[in-house]
Amino acid sequence: MIIYKQNKVVLKKKKKDEYELRVPWESEQKLFWLHFPFPLLKITGSKIVKQADKIFNIHAASIQSLTQFLARKGGQLSYEDCMNFLYDVGNQLQALEGFHMALPYIDTKDIIVVNDKHFFYMDADKVLPIESGQIAITIPYKASPFFSPEFKKISGIPTYISSKAGFYSLGALACYCMTKKYDEKNYRTLLQSIYATKLYWALERLLQVDPNDRFYLII
């Protein structure tokens, strides 16, 4: 059963508690997969296959898409789930930034959930190089409610937007997961039930309209 598929990246269930992840190893995506948070997974084996792909065998009680996980949770994640999501995926984005790479945005279909507690961003195709604090948008993207304000303002391509766009998207998606909706102008009202918590202030930092004021920090 296929859990996730995006071009050459395929994650499927082989049997009970056993999964297989196949990625294009010898490709422009190699840096993404070299620094993927595999230590959070129980890898039972790996091998390079003829097409220069790498297969990882994963032992897990469950692996599912974020969409499926949300459905199981009644469309709304708990405070703890949202903290786990923000921490795991935020650390991935921060690691990418350390190698001068960033994401234009994140959507529910890009995330998998392992053992109901670890969250992983999977779509290496969307990773873009950072140039002077910006990323180049050269192709059209399907509209997403989790676009950053600067992404929404794009009127034509090619163009450049802040390399922090993906961090805004992370915050917007976390807000959606907790409240079942996201509203750029009224997110503080949506998050009123968690006001002054660690999660609230982390989201406040991510959801700044001005990219210069936007950053990832959980304290």
Protein backbone atom coordinates (compact mmCIF):
# COMPACT_ATOMS: atom_id res chain seq x y z
CA MET A 1 0.00 0.00 0.00
CA ILE A 2 1.42 3.38 -1.03
CA ILE A 3 1.53 5.94 1.78
CA TYR A 4 3.30 8.75 -0.07
CA LYS A 5 4.37 9.27 -3.69
CA GLN A 6 5.96 12.30 -5.34
CA ASN A 7 7.78 11.64 -8.60
CA LYS A 8 10.53 9.11 -7.74
CA VAL A 9 10.00 9.24 -3.99
CA VAL A 10 7.76 6.36 -2.87
CA LEU A 11 6.86 5.26 0.64
CA LYS A 12 4.83 2.09 0.94
CA LYS A 13 3.74 -0.42 3.52
CA LYS A 14 5.18 -3.89 2.92
CA LYS A 15 3.57 -5.75 5.81
CA LYS A 16 2.62 -5.19 9.44
CA ASP A 17 5.08 -2.72 11.02
CA GLU A 18 7.34 -2.80 7.96
CA TYR A 19 7.65 0.05 5.43
CA GLU A 20 9.89 0.83 2.47
CA LEU A 21 11.06 4.30 1.42
CA ARG A 22 12.62 4.69 -2.02
CA VAL A 23 14.38 7.97 -2.89
CA PRO A 24 16.46 9.22 -5.85
CA TRP A 25 19.82 9.14 -4.10
CA GLU A 26 22.23 10.05 -6.90
CA SER A 27 20.37 13.18 -7.96
CA GLU A 28 20.06 16.89 -7.23
CA GLN A 29 17.95 15.85 -4.22
CA LYS A 30 20.84 14.02 -2.54
CA LEU A 31 21.63 16.83 -0.10
CA PHE A 32 18.00 16.87 1.09
CA TRP A 33 18.07 13.13 1.78
CA LEU A 34 21.58 13.17 3.27
CA HIS A 35 20.30 15.52 5.96
CA PHE A 36 16.83 14.01 6.32
CA PRO A 37 16.08 13.26 10.02
CA PHE A 38 16.50 9.49 9.63
CA PRO A 39 17.67 9.17 13.28
CA LEU A 40 14.02 9.69 14.30
CA LEU A 41 13.14 6.52 12.38
CA LYS A 42 14.00 2.91 13.11
CA ILE A 43 15.91 1.98 9.96
CA THR A 44 16.38 -1.78 9.70
CA GLY A 45 18.32 -1.76 6.43
CA SER A 46 19.19 0.20 3.30
CA LYS A 47 20.64 -0.41 -0.14
CA ILE A 48 21.43 1.30 -3.43
CA VAL A 49 19.57 -0.14 -6.41
CA LYS A 50 20.47 -0.10 -10.12
CA GLN A 51 18.64 3.11 -10.98
CA ALA A 52 20.83 5.00 -8.46
CA ASP A 53 17.94 5.07 -5.98
CA LYS A 54 18.30 4.22 -2.33
CA ILE A 55 15.82 2.04 -0.45
CA PHE A 56 15.35 2.34 3.30
CA ASN A 57 13.55 -0.32 5.31
CA ILE A 58 11.65 1.21 8.22
CA HIS A 59 10.12 -0.49 11.23
CA ALA A 60 7.15 1.46 12.63
CA ALA A 61 3.79 0.78 14.24
CA SER A 62 2.19 3.25 11.82
CA ILE A 63 3.07 5.66 9.04
CA GLN A 64 0.37 7.85 7.51
CA SER A 65 -0.10 11.13 5.71
CA LEU A 66 -0.89 14.25 7.73
CA THR A 67 -4.25 14.33 5.94
CA GLN A 68 -5.07 10.85 7.25
CA PHE A 69 -3.79 11.72 10.73
CA LEU A 70 -5.99 14.82 10.85
CA ALA A 71 -9.02 12.78 9.76
CA ARG A 72 -8.38 10.27 12.57
CA LYS A 73 -8.19 13.15 15.03
CA GLY A 74 -11.49 14.67 13.92
CA GLY A 75 -9.75 17.29 11.79
CA GLN A 76 -8.01 18.89 14.74
CA LEU A 77 -4.71 18.13 16.46
CA SER A 78 -3.97 18.48 20.16
CA TYR A 79 -1.57 21.02 21.63
CA GLU A 80 1.04 18.27 22.04
CA ASP A 81 0.60 17.07 18.44
CA CYS A 82 1.02 20.62 17.13
CA MET A 83 4.14 21.12 19.22
CA ASN A 84 5.59 17.89 17.82
CA PHE A 85 4.72 18.98 14.29
CA LEU A 86 6.22 22.44 14.72
CA TYR A 87 9.37 21.07 16.34
CA ASP A 88 10.03 18.28 13.82
CA VAL A 89 9.27 20.12 10.60
CA GLY A 90 10.71 23.40 11.90
CA ASN A 91 13.99 21.64 12.59
CA GLN A 92 13.96 20.27 9.04
CA LEU A 93 13.49 23.75 7.60
CA GLN A 94 16.21 25.13 9.84
CA ALA A 95 18.60 22.36 8.75
CA LEU A 96 17.87 23.12 5.09
CA GLU A 97 18.54 26.80 5.74
CA GLY A 98 21.95 25.84 7.11
CA PHE A 99 22.75 24.46 3.66
CA HIS A 100 21.33 27.54 1.90
CA MET A 101 18.10 25.88 0.88
CA ALA A 102 14.48 26.79 1.60
CA LEU A 103 10.87 25.98 0.75
CA PRO A 104 8.34 28.30 -0.90
CA TYR A 105 5.49 26.76 1.12
CA ILE A 106 4.26 23.62 2.91
CA ASP A 107 0.93 21.84 2.53
CA THR A 108 -0.76 18.92 4.29
CA LYS A 109 0.11 16.51 1.47
CA ASP A 110 3.84 17.13 2.03
CA ILE A 111 3.89 15.69 5.56
CA ILE A 112 3.92 12.13 6.90
CA VAL A 113 3.36 11.10 10.53
CA VAL A 114 5.25 8.20 12.08
CA ASN A 115 4.01 6.39 15.18
CA ASP A 116 1.54 9.23 15.81
CA LYS A 117 4.31 11.47 17.17
CA HIS A 118 7.01 12.31 14.60
CA PHE A 119 6.36 14.52 11.57
CA PHE A 120 8.46 14.61 8.40
CA TYR A 121 8.45 16.96 5.42
CA MET A 122 8.87 14.82 2.29
CA ASP A 123 8.67 16.84 -0.96
CA ALA A 124 12.28 17.43 -2.01
CA ASP A 125 11.08 18.73 -5.39
CA LYS A 126 10.04 22.01 -3.76
CA VAL A 127 13.44 22.70 -2.17
CA LEU A 128 15.06 25.82 -3.68
CA PRO A 129 18.50 27.41 -3.29
CA ILE A 130 18.74 30.60 -1.24
CA GLU A 131 20.29 33.55 -3.05
CA SER A 132 20.90 36.69 -0.97
CA GLY A 133 18.07 35.80 1.41
CA GLN A 134 15.61 35.04 -1.39
CA ILE A 135 14.37 32.09 -3.43
CA ALA A 136 13.49 32.23 -7.12
CA ILE A 137 9.93 31.35 -8.15
CA THR A 138 10.19 30.22 -11.76
CA ILE A 139 7.18 27.91 -12.13
CA PRO A 140 3.50 28.31 -11.20
CA TYR A 141 2.26 26.59 -8.03
CA LYS A 142 -1.26 25.48 -7.27
CA ALA A 143 -2.80 27.96 -4.81
CA SER A 144 -2.49 27.01 -1.15
CA PRO A 145 -4.10 28.59 1.92
CA PHE A 146 -0.68 28.33 3.56
CA PHE A 147 1.16 30.69 1.21
CA SER A 148 3.06 33.50 2.92
CA PRO A 149 1.85 37.10 2.34
CA GLU A 150 4.74 37.77 -0.07
CA PHE A 151 3.93 34.61 -2.03
CA LYS A 152 0.29 35.70 -2.39
CA LYS A 153 1.41 39.00 -3.88
CA ILE A 154 3.22 37.39 -6.81
CA SER A 155 1.78 38.75 -10.05
CA GLY A 156 4.11 37.06 -12.52
CA ILE A 157 7.09 34.75 -12.87
CA PRO A 158 10.02 34.57 -12.73
CA THR A 159 10.29 36.51 -9.47
CA TYR A 160 11.89 36.33 -6.04
CA ILE A 161 10.38 36.02 -2.56
CA SER A 162 11.87 35.80 0.92
CA SER A 163 13.59 32.57 1.89
CA LYS A 164 11.48 32.78 5.08
CA ALA A 165 8.28 32.02 3.15
CA GLY A 166 8.38 28.37 4.18
CA PHE A 167 8.56 29.30 7.87
CA TYR A 168 5.39 31.39 7.56
CA SER A 169 3.72 28.43 5.84
CA LEU A 170 4.81 26.16 8.69
CA GLY A 171 3.09 28.44 11.19
CA ALA A 172 -0.05 28.77 9.08
CA LEU A 173 -0.32 24.98 8.68
CA ALA A 174 0.19 24.44 12.43
CA CYS A 175 -2.57 26.96 13.16
CA TYR A 176 -4.86 25.13 10.73
CA CYS A 177 -4.08 21.78 12.34
CA MET A 178 -5.02 23.14 15.77
CA THR A 179 -8.11 25.19 14.86
CA LYS A 180 -9.40 23.65 11.60
CA LYS A 181 -8.90 26.96 9.80
CA TYR A 182 -6.34 29.64 9.05
CA ASP A 183 -6.99 33.36 8.60
CA GLU A 184 -3.99 35.60 8.02
CA LYS A 185 -5.74 38.63 9.52
CA ASN A 186 -7.37 36.90 12.49
CA TYR A 187 -4.98 34.13 13.50
CA ARG A 188 -4.54 35.61 16.97
CA THR A 189 -8.27 35.20 17.58
CA LEU A 190 -8.09 31.59 16.38
CA LEU A 191 -5.23 30.92 18.80
CA GLN A 192 -6.80 32.67 21.79
CA SER A 193 -7.30 29.37 23.64
CA ILE A 194 -3.51 28.85 23.79
CA TYR A 195 -2.56 32.49 24.40
CA ALA A 196 0.80 33.04 26.16
CA THR A 197 1.85 29.39 25.81
CA LYS A 198 5.11 28.21 24.28
CA LEU A 199 3.23 27.19 21.13
CA TYR A 200 1.43 30.52 20.84
CA TRP A 201 4.64 32.56 20.93
CA ALA A 202 6.37 30.17 18.50
CA LEU A 203 3.51 30.67 16.02
CA GLU A 204 3.52 34.43 16.60
CA ARG A 205 7.18 34.53 15.53
CA LEU A 206 6.49 32.49 12.40
CA LEU A 207 3.38 34.39 11.29
CA GLN A 208 4.92 37.83 11.01
CA VAL A 209 3.92 39.56 7.75
CA ASP A 210 7.34 41.17 7.38
CA PRO A 211 9.84 38.37 6.58
CA ASN A 212 12.56 40.35 8.38
CA ASP A 213 10.64 39.88 11.63
CA ARG A 214 9.89 36.20 11.02
CA PHE A 215 11.92 33.41 12.64
CA TYR A 216 11.71 29.92 14.05
CA LEU A 217 12.27 29.64 17.78
CA ILE A 218 10.60 27.46 20.41
CA ILE A 219 11.43 28.43 23.99
